[in-house]
Amino acid sequence: MVNDETLPKLTNEFLITKGEFNSPEEFSVFIELEAKRRGLGFFETLMDYCEEKDIEPVSVAKSITSSLKQKLQAEAEDLNLLKQKTAKLPN
Protein backbone atom coordinates (compact mmCIF):
# COMPACT_ATOMS: atom_id res chain seq x y z
CA MET A 1 0.00 0.00 0.00
CA VAL A 2 1.32 3.45 -0.95
CA ASN A 3 1.29 6.20 1.66
CA ASP A 4 -0.38 9.22 0.00
CA GLU A 5 1.51 11.61 2.30
CA THR A 6 4.83 10.68 0.67
CA LEU A 7 3.63 11.34 -2.87
CA PRO A 8 3.98 14.84 -4.32
CA LYS A 9 0.75 16.80 -4.67
CA LEU A 10 -0.23 16.76 -8.33
CA THR A 11 -0.76 20.46 -8.88
CA ASN A 12 -0.61 22.13 -12.29
CA GLU A 13 2.77 23.56 -11.38
CA PHE A 14 4.09 20.13 -10.41
CA LEU A 15 2.88 18.59 -13.62
CA ILE A 16 4.19 21.46 -15.74
CA THR A 17 7.69 21.47 -14.25
CA LYS A 18 7.66 17.69 -13.75
CA GLY A 19 8.31 17.92 -10.03
CA GLU A 20 11.57 19.80 -10.41
CA PHE A 21 10.43 22.83 -8.37
CA ASN A 22 8.32 23.18 -5.23
CA SER A 23 6.87 26.63 -5.94
CA PRO A 24 6.59 29.37 -8.56
CA GLU A 25 9.19 31.32 -6.59
CA GLU A 26 11.67 28.46 -6.83
CA PHE A 27 11.02 28.10 -10.58
CA SER A 28 11.39 31.84 -11.22
CA VAL A 29 14.62 32.06 -9.21
CA PHE A 30 15.98 29.14 -11.22
CA ILE A 31 15.18 30.91 -14.51
CA GLU A 32 16.76 34.17 -13.29
CA LEU A 33 19.93 32.45 -12.06
CA GLU A 34 20.19 30.33 -15.19
CA ALA A 35 19.85 33.43 -17.38
CA LYS A 36 22.66 35.12 -15.48
CA ARG A 37 24.86 32.00 -15.54
CA ARG A 38 24.41 31.51 -19.28
CA GLY A 39 24.57 35.19 -20.17
CA LEU A 40 21.17 35.04 -21.86
CA GLY A 41 17.98 36.98 -21.49
CA PHE A 42 15.14 35.77 -19.29
CA PHE A 43 12.88 35.08 -22.27
CA GLU A 44 15.49 33.01 -24.11
CA THR A 45 16.31 31.08 -20.95
CA LEU A 46 12.63 30.36 -20.32
CA MET A 47 12.13 29.19 -23.92
CA ASP A 48 15.23 26.97 -23.70
CA TYR A 49 13.91 25.42 -20.49
CA CYS A 50 10.53 24.72 -22.11
CA GLU A 51 12.20 23.17 -25.14
CA GLU A 52 14.50 20.98 -23.01
CA LYS A 53 11.59 19.73 -20.92
CA ASP A 54 9.16 19.45 -23.85
CA ILE A 55 6.75 21.89 -22.20
CA GLU A 56 4.46 24.35 -23.98
CA PRO A 57 5.63 27.87 -23.02
CA VAL A 58 2.08 29.03 -22.32
CA SER A 59 1.70 26.28 -19.72
CA VAL A 60 4.41 27.72 -17.43
CA ALA A 61 2.59 31.04 -16.92
CA LYS A 62 1.31 30.01 -13.48
CA SER A 63 4.83 29.04 -12.48
CA ILE A 64 6.25 32.52 -13.08
CA THR A 65 6.24 35.09 -10.29
CA SER A 66 5.09 38.66 -10.87
CA SER A 67 8.71 39.80 -10.42
CA LEU A 68 9.92 37.62 -13.29
CA LYS A 69 6.89 38.62 -15.39
CA GLN A 70 7.90 42.27 -14.95
CA LYS A 71 11.47 41.46 -15.98
CA LEU A 72 10.23 39.55 -19.03
CA GLN A 73 8.00 42.47 -19.99
CA ALA A 74 10.83 45.00 -19.62
CA GLU A 75 13.12 42.78 -21.66
CA ALA A 76 10.50 42.42 -24.41
CA GLU A 77 9.96 46.19 -24.46
CA ASP A 78 13.71 46.79 -24.73
CA LEU A 79 13.82 44.41 -27.70
CA ASN A 80 10.83 46.20 -29.26
CA LEU A 81 8.76 43.02 -29.05
CA LEU A 82 6.01 44.87 -27.15
CA LYS A 83 4.70 48.37 -27.23
CA GLN A 84 6.14 50.21 -24.26
CA LYS A 85 3.46 50.35 -21.62
CA THR A 86 5.57 51.23 -18.62
CA ALA A 87 7.06 54.65 -18.03
CA LYS A 88 10.84 54.71 -18.36
CA LEU A 89 13.40 57.40 -17.91
CA PRO A 90 15.29 58.14 -21.12
CA ASN A 91 18.81 56.73 -21.42
PDB file of N, CA and C in Angstrom:
ATOM      1  N   MET A   1       0.846  -1.182   0.000  1.00  0.00           N
ATOM      2  CA  MET A   1       0.000   0.000   0.000  1.00  0.00           C
ATOM      3  C   MET A   1       0.889   1.241   0.000  1.00  0.00           C
ATOM      4  N   VAL A   2       0.546   2.228  -0.828  1.00  0.00           N
ATOM      5  CA  VAL A   2       1.317   3.450  -0.950  1.00  0.00           C
ATOM      6  C   VAL A   2       0.770   4.485   0.024  1.00  0.00           C
ATOM      7  N   ASN A   3       1.678   5.142   0.737  1.00  0.00           N
ATOM      8  CA  ASN A   3       1.294   6.200   1.661  1.00  0.00           C
ATOM      9  C   ASN A   3       1.129   7.490   0.867  1.00  0.00           C
ATOM     10  N   ASP A   4      -0.100   8.015   0.782  1.00  0.00           N
ATOM     11  CA  ASP A   4      -0.383   9.221   0.001  1.00  0.00           C
ATOM     12  C   ASP A   4       0.391  10.438   0.494  1.00  0.00           C
ATOM     13  N   GLU A   5       0.781  10.461   1.751  1.00  0.00           N
ATOM     14  CA  GLU A   5       1.508  11.607   2.296  1.00  0.00           C
ATOM     15  C   GLU A   5       2.915  11.726   1.716  1.00  0.00           C
ATOM     16  N   THR A   6       3.480  10.634   1.213  1.00  0.00           N
ATOM     17  CA  THR A   6       4.828  10.678   0.670  1.00  0.00           C
ATOM     18  C   THR A   6       4.856  11.048  -0.810  1.00  0.00           C
ATOM     19  N   LEU A   7       3.701  10.993  -1.461  1.00  0.00           N
ATOM     20  CA  LEU A   7       3.631  11.341  -2.874  1.00  0.00           C
ATOM     21  C   LEU A   7       3.512  12.846  -3.043  1.00  0.00           C
ATOM     22  N   PRO A   8       4.126  13.403  -4.083  1.00  0.00           N
ATOM     23  CA  PRO A   8       3.981  14.842  -4.320  1.00  0.00           C
ATOM     24  C   PRO A   8       2.543  15.171  -4.705  1.00  0.00           C
ATOM     25  N   LYS A   9       2.092  16.347  -4.311  1.00  0.00           N
ATOM     26  CA  LYS A   9       0.754  16.796  -4.665  1.00  0.00           C
ATOM     27  C   LYS A   9       0.749  17.120  -6.157  1.00  0.00           C
ATOM     28  N   LEU A  10      -0.191  16.589  -6.887  1.00  0.00           N
ATOM     29  CA  LEU A  10      -0.232  16.759  -8.331  1.00  0.00           C
ATOM     30  C   LEU A  10      -0.932  18.058  -8.714  1.00  0.00           C
ATOM     31  N   THR A  11      -0.237  19.153  -8.501  1.00  0.00           N
ATOM     32  CA  THR A  11      -0.757  20.457  -8.881  1.00  0.00           C
ATOM     33  C   THR A  11      -0.374  20.734 -10.332  1.00  0.00           C
ATOM     34  N   ASN A  12      -0.980  21.748 -10.926  1.00  0.00           N
ATOM     35  CA  ASN A  12      -0.612  22.131 -12.289  1.00  0.00           C
ATOM     36  C   ASN A  12       0.867  22.453 -12.374  1.00  0.00           C
ATOM     37  N   GLU A  13       1.366  23.190 -11.372  1.00  0.00           N
ATOM     38  CA  GLU A  13       2.772  23.564 -11.382  1.00  0.00           C
ATOM     39  C   GLU A  13       3.670  22.333 -11.330  1.00  0.00           C
ATOM     40  N   PHE A  14       3.288  21.353 -10.511  1.00  0.00           N
ATOM     41  CA  PHE A  14       4.088  20.131 -10.412  1.00  0.00           C
ATOM     42  C   PHE A  14       4.110  19.406 -11.748  1.00  0.00           C
ATOM     43  N   LEU A  15       2.945  19.281 -12.351  1.00  0.00           N
ATOM     44  CA  LEU A  15       2.876  18.585 -13.625  1.00  0.00           C
ATOM     45  C   LEU A  15       3.630  19.327 -14.714  1.00  0.00           C
ATOM     46  N   ILE A  16       3.537  20.650 -14.716  1.00  0.00           N
ATOM     47  CA  ILE A  16       4.189  21.458 -15.742  1.00  0.00           C
ATOM     48  C   ILE A  16       5.702  21.365 -15.632  1.00  0.00           C
ATOM     49  N   THR A  17       6.234  21.498 -14.426  1.00  0.00           N
ATOM     50  CA  THR A  17       7.687  21.471 -14.253  1.00  0.00           C
ATOM     51  C   THR A  17       8.197  20.077 -13.891  1.00  0.00           C
ATOM     52  N   LYS A  18       7.316  19.105 -13.968  1.00  0.00           N
ATOM     53  CA  LYS A  18       7.660  17.693 -13.755  1.00  0.00           C
ATOM     54  C   LYS A  18       8.324  17.444 -12.398  1.00  0.00           C
ATOM     55  N   GLY A  19       7.836  18.148 -11.387  1.00  0.00           N
ATOM     56  CA  GLY A  19       8.309  17.921 -10.031  1.00  0.00           C
ATOM     57  C   GLY A  19       9.672  18.487  -9.715  1.00  0.00           C
ATOM     58  N   GLU A  20      10.223  19.265 -10.605  1.00  0.00           N
ATOM     59  CA  GLU A  20      11.569  19.802 -10.410  1.00  0.00           C
ATOM     60  C   GLU A  20      11.594  20.936  -9.384  1.00  0.00           C
ATOM     61  N   PHE A  21      10.484  21.668  -9.251  1.00  0.00           N
ATOM     62  CA  PHE A  21      10.429  22.827  -8.368  1.00  0.00           C
ATOM     63  C   PHE A  21       9.233  22.707  -7.434  1.00  0.00           C
ATOM     64  N   ASN A  22       9.381  23.267  -6.230  1.00  0.00           N
ATOM     65  CA  ASN A  22       8.323  23.184  -5.233  1.00  0.00           C
ATOM     66  C   ASN A  22       7.357  24.355  -5.254  1.00  0.00           C
ATOM     67  N   SER A  23       7.726  25.435  -5.938  1.00  0.00           N
ATOM     68  CA  SER A  23       6.871  26.627  -5.939  1.00  0.00           C
ATOM     69  C   SER A  23       7.205  27.503  -7.146  1.00  0.00           C
ATOM     70  N   PRO A  24       6.290  28.409  -7.491  1.00  0.00           N
ATOM     71  CA  PRO A  24       6.589  29.366  -8.563  1.00  0.00           C
ATOM     72  C   PRO A  24       7.828  30.209  -8.248  1.00  0.00           C
ATOM     73  N   GLU A  25       8.026  30.532  -6.985  1.00  0.00           N
ATOM     74  CA  GLU A  25       9.193  31.319  -6.591  1.00  0.00           C
ATOM     75  C   GLU A  25      10.479  30.559  -6.906  1.00  0.00           C
ATOM     76  N   GLU A  26      10.488  29.285  -6.583  1.00  0.00           N
ATOM     77  CA  GLU A  26      11.669  28.460  -6.834  1.00  0.00           C
ATOM     78  C   GLU A  26      11.936  28.352  -8.342  1.00  0.00           C
ATOM     79  N   PHE A  27      10.886  28.181  -9.124  1.00  0.00           N
ATOM     80  CA  PHE A  27      11.016  28.101 -10.576  1.00  0.00           C
ATOM     81  C   PHE A  27      11.550  29.413 -11.144  1.00  0.00           C
ATOM     82  N   SER A  28      10.984  30.531 -10.712  1.00  0.00           N
ATOM     83  CA  SER A  28      11.395  31.840 -11.217  1.00  0.00           C
ATOM     84  C   SER A  28      12.839  32.162 -10.848  1.00  0.00           C
ATOM     85  N   VAL A  29      13.233  31.837  -9.633  1.00  0.00           N
ATOM     86  CA  VAL A  29      14.624  32.062  -9.209  1.00  0.00           C
ATOM     87  C   VAL A  29      15.560  31.218 -10.072  1.00  0.00           C
ATOM     88  N   PHE A  30      15.160  29.989 -10.357  1.00  0.00           N
ATOM     89  CA  PHE A  30      15.979  29.136 -11.219  1.00  0.00           C
ATOM     90  C   PHE A  30      16.174  29.791 -12.586  1.00  0.00           C
ATOM     91  N   ILE A  31      15.088  30.284 -13.194  1.00  0.00           N
ATOM     92  CA  ILE A  31      15.177  30.908 -14.514  1.00  0.00           C
ATOM     93  C   ILE A  31      16.087  32.136 -14.458  1.00  0.00           C
ATOM     94  N   GLU A  32      15.929  32.959 -13.422  1.00  0.00           N
ATOM     95  CA  GLU A  32      16.757  34.166 -13.292  1.00  0.00           C
ATOM     96  C   GLU A  32      18.233  33.817 -13.133  1.00  0.00           C
ATOM     97  N   LEU A  33      18.537  32.856 -12.279  1.00  0.00           N
ATOM     98  CA  LEU A  33      19.932  32.455 -12.060  1.00  0.00           C
ATOM     99  C   LEU A  33      20.528  31.794 -13.301  1.00  0.00           C
ATOM    100  N   GLU A  34      19.721  30.996 -13.971  1.00  0.00           N
ATOM    101  CA  GLU A  34      20.185  30.327 -15.190  1.00  0.00           C
ATOM    102  C   GLU A  34      20.466  31.348 -16.284  1.00  0.00           C
ATOM    103  N   ALA A  35      19.628  32.371 -16.398  1.00  0.00           N
ATOM    104  CA  ALA A  35      19.850  33.429 -17.385  1.00  0.00           C
ATOM    105  C   ALA A  35      21.172  34.137 -17.112  1.00  0.00           C
ATOM    106  N   LYS A  36      21.407  34.440 -15.858  1.00  0.00           N
ATOM    107  CA  LYS A  36      22.657  35.118 -15.481  1.00  0.00           C
ATOM    108  C   LYS A  36      23.862  34.213 -15.748  1.00  0.00           C
ATOM    109  N   ARG A  37      23.755  32.958 -15.365  1.00  0.00           N
ATOM    110  CA  ARG A  37      24.857  32.005 -15.542  1.00  0.00           C
ATOM    111  C   ARG A  37      25.208  31.823 -17.009  1.00  0.00           C
ATOM    112  N   ARG A  38      24.189  31.760 -17.861  1.00  0.00           N
ATOM    113  CA  ARG A  38      24.409  31.507 -19.279  1.00  0.00           C
ATOM    114  C   ARG A  38      24.614  32.782 -20.090  1.00  0.00           C
ATOM    115  N   GLY A  39      24.411  33.929 -19.461  1.00  0.00           N
ATOM    116  CA  GLY A  39      24.573  35.191 -20.173  1.00  0.00           C
ATOM    117  C   GLY A  39      23.498  35.423 -21.221  1.00  0.00           C
ATOM    118  N   LEU A  40      22.304  34.907 -20.943  1.00  0.00           N
ATOM    119  CA  LEU A  40      21.172  35.035 -21.862  1.00  0.00           C
ATOM    120  C   LEU A  40      20.092  35.887 -21.213  1.00  0.00           C
ATOM    121  N   GLY A  41      19.126  36.271 -22.019  1.00  0.00           N
ATOM    122  CA  GLY A  41      17.976  36.981 -21.492  1.00  0.00           C
ATOM    123  C   GLY A  41      17.027  36.019 -20.789  1.00  0.00           C
ATOM    124  N   PHE A  42      16.111  36.594 -20.023  1.00  0.00           N
ATOM    125  CA  PHE A  42      15.139  35.773 -19.294  1.00  0.00           C
ATOM    126  C   PHE A  42      14.245  35.004 -20.264  1.00  0.00           C
ATOM    127  N   PHE A  43      13.784  35.696 -21.315  1.00  0.00           N
ATOM    128  CA  PHE A  43      12.882  35.076 -22.274  1.00  0.00           C
ATOM    129  C   PHE A  43      13.551  33.892 -22.970  1.00  0.00           C
ATOM    130  N   GLU A  44      14.773  34.093 -23.434  1.00  0.00           N
ATOM    131  CA  GLU A  44      15.487  33.007 -24.112  1.00  0.00           C
ATOM    132  C   GLU A  44      15.738  31.834 -23.167  1.00  0.00           C
ATOM    133  N   THR A  45      16.078  32.134 -21.936  1.00  0.00           N
ATOM    134  CA  THR A  45      16.313  31.082 -20.946  1.00  0.00           C
ATOM    135  C   THR A  45      15.030  30.303 -20.674  1.00  0.00           C
ATOM    136  N   LEU A  46      13.921  31.011 -20.556  1.00  0.00           N
ATOM    137  CA  LEU A  46      12.632  30.364 -20.318  1.00  0.00           C
ATOM    138  C   LEU A  46      12.247  29.484 -21.504  1.00  0.00           C
ATOM    139  N   MET A  47      12.449  29.977 -22.717  1.00  0.00           N
ATOM    140  CA  MET A  47      12.133  29.186 -23.918  1.00  0.00           C
ATOM    141  C   MET A  47      13.032  27.961 -24.022  1.00  0.00           C
ATOM    142  N   ASP A  48      14.308  28.116 -23.693  1.00  0.00           N
ATOM    143  CA  ASP A  48      15.226  26.970 -23.704  1.00  0.00           C
ATOM    144  C   ASP A  48      14.784  25.915 -22.702  1.00  0.00           C
ATOM    145  N   TYR A  49      14.376  26.358 -21.508  1.00  0.00           N
ATOM    146  CA  TYR A  49      13.911  25.417 -20.486  1.00  0.00           C
ATOM    147  C   TYR A  49      12.701  24.641 -21.004  1.00  0.00           C
ATOM    148  N   CYS A  50      11.746  25.361 -21.592  1.00  0.00           N
ATOM    149  CA  CYS A  50      10.535  24.718 -22.110  1.00  0.00           C
ATOM    150  C   CYS A  50      10.878  23.707 -23.203  1.00  0.00           C
ATOM    151  N   GLU A  51      11.801  24.079 -24.065  1.00  0.00           N
ATOM    152  CA  GLU A  51      12.202  23.172 -25.140  1.00  0.00           C
ATOM    153  C   GLU A  51      12.880  21.923 -24.583  1.00  0.00           C
ATOM    154  N   GLU A  52      13.797  22.120 -23.630  1.00  0.00           N
ATOM    155  CA  GLU A  52      14.505  20.985 -23.015  1.00  0.00           C
ATOM    156  C   GLU A  52      13.546  20.014 -22.350  1.00  0.00           C
ATOM    157  N   LYS A  53      12.523  20.562 -21.686  1.00  0.00           N
ATOM    158  CA  LYS A  53      11.588  19.733 -20.921  1.00  0.00           C
ATOM    159  C   LYS A  53      10.354  19.323 -21.717  1.00  0.00           C
ATOM    160  N   ASP A  54      10.294  19.736 -22.989  1.00  0.00           N
ATOM    161  CA  ASP A  54       9.156  19.445 -23.850  1.00  0.00           C
ATOM    162  C   ASP A  54       7.849  19.944 -23.218  1.00  0.00           C
ATOM    163  N   ILE A  55       7.877  21.230 -22.845  1.00  0.00           N
ATOM    164  CA  ILE A  55       6.747  21.889 -22.197  1.00  0.00           C
ATOM    165  C   ILE A  55       6.287  23.033 -23.092  1.00  0.00           C
ATOM    166  N   GLU A  56       4.981  23.200 -23.247  1.00  0.00           N
ATOM    167  CA  GLU A  56       4.462  24.347 -23.984  1.00  0.00           C
ATOM    168  C   GLU A  56       4.729  25.612 -23.172  1.00  0.00           C
ATOM    169  N   PRO A  57       5.323  26.643 -23.765  1.00  0.00           N
ATOM    170  CA  PRO A  57       5.631  27.871 -23.021  1.00  0.00           C
ATOM    171  C   PRO A  57       4.426  28.483 -22.315  1.00  0.00           C
ATOM    172  N   VAL A  58       3.261  28.438 -22.935  1.00  0.00           N
ATOM    173  CA  VAL A  58       2.079  29.034 -22.317  1.00  0.00           C
ATOM    174  C   VAL A  58       1.696  28.311 -21.018  1.00  0.00           C
ATOM    175  N   SER A  59       2.083  27.057 -20.896  1.00  0.00           N
ATOM    176  CA  SER A  59       1.704  26.278 -19.718  1.00  0.00           C
ATOM    177  C   SER A  59       2.513  26.627 -18.470  1.00  0.00           C
ATOM    178  N   VAL A  60       3.616  27.366 -18.602  1.00  0.00           N
ATOM    179  CA  VAL A  60       4.412  27.717 -17.432  1.00  0.00           C
ATOM    180  C   VAL A  60       4.001  29.059 -16.817  1.00  0.00           C
ATOM    181  N   ALA A  61       2.999  29.707 -17.395  1.00  0.00           N
ATOM    182  CA  ALA A  61       2.587  31.038 -16.924  1.00  0.00           C
ATOM    183  C   ALA A  61       2.294  31.065 -15.426  1.00  0.00           C
ATOM    184  N   LYS A  62       1.641  30.039 -14.909  1.00  0.00           N
ATOM    185  CA  LYS A  62       1.311  30.011 -13.478  1.00  0.00           C
ATOM    186  C   LYS A  62       2.531  29.746 -12.603  1.00  0.00           C
ATOM    187  N   SER A  63       3.614  29.325 -13.231  1.00  0.00           N
ATOM    188  CA  SER A  63       4.835  29.039 -12.480  1.00  0.00           C
ATOM    189  C   SER A  63       5.819  30.199 -12.498  1.00  0.00           C
ATOM    190  N   ILE A  64       5.379  31.350 -13.002  1.00  0.00           N
ATOM    191  CA  ILE A  64       6.246  32.521 -13.080  1.00  0.00           C
ATOM    192  C   ILE A  64       5.742  33.573 -12.104  1.00  0.00           C
ATOM    193  N   THR A  65       6.614  34.061 -11.265  1.00  0.00           N
ATOM    194  CA  THR A  65       6.235  35.087 -10.288  1.00  0.00           C
ATOM    195  C   THR A  65       6.019  36.430 -10.979  1.00  0.00           C
ATOM    196  N   SER A  66       5.336  37.327 -10.296  1.00  0.00           N
ATOM    197  CA  SER A  66       5.094  38.656 -10.870  1.00  0.00           C
ATOM    198  C   SER A  66       6.414  39.398 -11.095  1.00  0.00           C
ATOM    199  N   SER A  67       7.394  39.175 -10.258  1.00  0.00           N
ATOM    200  CA  SER A  67       8.708  39.802 -10.417  1.00  0.00           C
ATOM    201  C   SER A  67       9.348  39.388 -11.734  1.00  0.00           C
ATOM    202  N   LEU A  68       9.341  38.095 -12.040  1.00  0.00           N
ATOM    203  CA  LEU A  68       9.921  37.616 -13.290  1.00  0.00           C
ATOM    204  C   LEU A  68       9.071  38.081 -14.471  1.00  0.00           C
ATOM    205  N   LYS A  69       7.752  38.122 -14.313  1.00  0.00           N
ATOM    206  CA  LYS A  69       6.888  38.625 -15.387  1.00  0.00           C
ATOM    207  C   LYS A  69       7.249  40.066 -15.731  1.00  0.00           C
ATOM    208  N   GLN A  70       7.518  40.878 -14.721  1.00  0.00           N
ATOM    209  CA  GLN A  70       7.902  42.271 -14.954  1.00  0.00           C
ATOM    210  C   GLN A  70       9.241  42.343 -15.692  1.00  0.00           C
ATOM    211  N   LYS A  71      10.166  41.486 -15.318  1.00  0.00           N
ATOM    212  CA  LYS A  71      11.472  41.460 -15.982  1.00  0.00           C
ATOM    213  C   LYS A  71      11.341  41.005 -17.428  1.00  0.00           C
ATOM    214  N   LEU A  72      10.473  40.021 -17.672  1.00  0.00           N
ATOM    215  CA  LEU A  72      10.229  39.551 -19.026  1.00  0.00           C
ATOM    216  C   LEU A  72       9.596  40.651 -19.872  1.00  0.00           C
ATOM    217  N   GLN A  73       8.660  41.386 -19.276  1.00  0.00           N
ATOM    218  CA  GLN A  73       8.001  42.471 -19.989  1.00  0.00           C
ATOM    219  C   GLN A  73       9.003  43.575 -20.338  1.00  0.00           C
ATOM    220  N   ALA A  74       9.825  43.954 -19.374  1.00  0.00           N
ATOM    221  CA  ALA A  74      10.829  44.996 -19.618  1.00  0.00           C
ATOM    222  C   ALA A  74      11.803  44.565 -20.706  1.00  0.00           C
ATOM    223  N   GLU A  75      12.212  43.303 -20.662  1.00  0.00           N
ATOM    224  CA  GLU A  75      13.124  42.776 -21.664  1.00  0.00           C
ATOM    225  C   GLU A  75      12.471  42.805 -23.056  1.00  0.00           C
ATOM    226  N   ALA A  76      11.212  42.405 -23.130  1.00  0.00           N
ATOM    227  CA  ALA A  76      10.496  42.416 -24.411  1.00  0.00           C
ATOM    228  C   ALA A  76      10.335  43.839 -24.936  1.00  0.00           C
ATOM    229  N   GLU A  77      10.070  44.786 -24.047  1.00  0.00           N
ATOM    230  CA  GLU A  77       9.956  46.189 -24.457  1.00  0.00           C
ATOM    231  C   GLU A  77      11.294  46.707 -24.978  1.00  0.00           C
ATOM    232  N   ASP A  78      12.379  46.360 -24.300  1.00  0.00           N
ATOM    233  CA  ASP A  78      13.714  46.791 -24.729  1.00  0.00           C
ATOM    234  C   ASP A  78      14.071  46.238 -26.105  1.00  0.00           C
ATOM    235  N   LEU A  79      13.556  45.043 -26.410  1.00  0.00           N
ATOM    236  CA  LEU A  79      13.819  44.415 -27.699  1.00  0.00           C
ATOM    237  C   LEU A  79      12.770  44.794 -28.743  1.00  0.00           C
ATOM    238  N   ASN A  80      11.913  45.736 -28.385  1.00  0.00           N
ATOM    239  CA  ASN A  80      10.833  46.196 -29.258  1.00  0.00           C
ATOM    240  C   ASN A  80       9.888  45.068 -29.683  1.00  0.00           C
ATOM    241  N   LEU A  81       9.704  44.100 -28.793  1.00  0.00           N
ATOM    242  CA  LEU A  81       8.760  43.021 -29.050  1.00  0.00           C
ATOM    243  C   LEU A  81       7.362  43.385 -28.571  1.00  0.00           C
ATOM    244  N   LEU A  82       7.286  44.373 -27.684  1.00  0.00           N
ATOM    245  CA  LEU A  82       6.014  44.869 -27.152  1.00  0.00           C
ATOM    246  C   LEU A  82       6.013  46.378 -27.258  1.00  0.00           C
ATOM    247  N   LYS A  83       4.804  46.920 -27.344  1.00  0.00           N
ATOM    248  CA  LYS A  83       4.702  48.369 -27.232  1.00  0.00           C
ATOM    249  C   LYS A  83       5.045  48.733 -25.803  1.00  0.00           C
ATOM    250  N   GLN A  84       5.773  49.816 -25.617  1.00  0.00           N
ATOM    251  CA  GLN A  84       6.141  50.214 -24.264  1.00  0.00           C
ATOM    252  C   GLN A  84       4.904  50.688 -23.520  1.00  0.00           C
ATOM    253  N   LYS A  85       4.617  50.016 -22.436  1.00  0.00           N
ATOM    254  CA  LYS A  85       3.458  50.351 -21.617  1.00  0.00           C
ATOM    255  C   LYS A  85       3.881  50.960 -20.305  1.00  0.00           C
ATOM    256  N   THR A  86       5.103  50.721 -19.895  1.00  0.00           N
ATOM    257  CA  THR A  86       5.571  51.233 -18.617  1.00  0.00           C
ATOM    258  C   THR A  86       6.391  52.497 -18.840  1.00  0.00           C
ATOM    259  N   ALA A  87       6.294  53.397 -17.915  1.00  0.00           N
ATOM    260  CA  ALA A  87       7.058  54.648 -18.027  1.00  0.00           C
ATOM    261  C   ALA A  87       8.524  54.341 -17.729  1.00  0.00           C
ATOM    262  N   LYS A  88       9.399  54.906 -18.551  1.00  0.00           N
ATOM    263  CA  LYS A  88      10.839  54.709 -18.358  1.00  0.00           C
ATOM    264  C   LYS A  88      11.510  56.055 -18.477  1.00  0.00           C
ATOM    265  N   LEU A  89      12.575  56.200 -17.751  1.00  0.00           N
ATOM    266  CA  LEU A  89      13.404  57.396 -17.909  1.00  0.00           C
ATOM    267  C   LEU A  89      14.246  57.218 -19.168  1.00  0.00           C
ATOM    268  N   PRO A  90      14.453  58.282 -19.924  1.00  0.00           N
ATOM    269  CA  PRO A  90      15.285  58.143 -21.120  1.00  0.00           C
ATOM    270  C   PRO A  90      16.724  57.825 -20.748  1.00  0.00           C
ATOM    271  N   ASN A  91      17.404  57.106 -21.665  1.00  0.00           N
ATOM    272  CA  ASN A  91      18.812  56.735 -21.422  1.00  0.00           C
ATOM    273  C   ASN A  91      19.711  57.923 -21.509  1.00  0.00           C
TER     274      ASN A  91
END
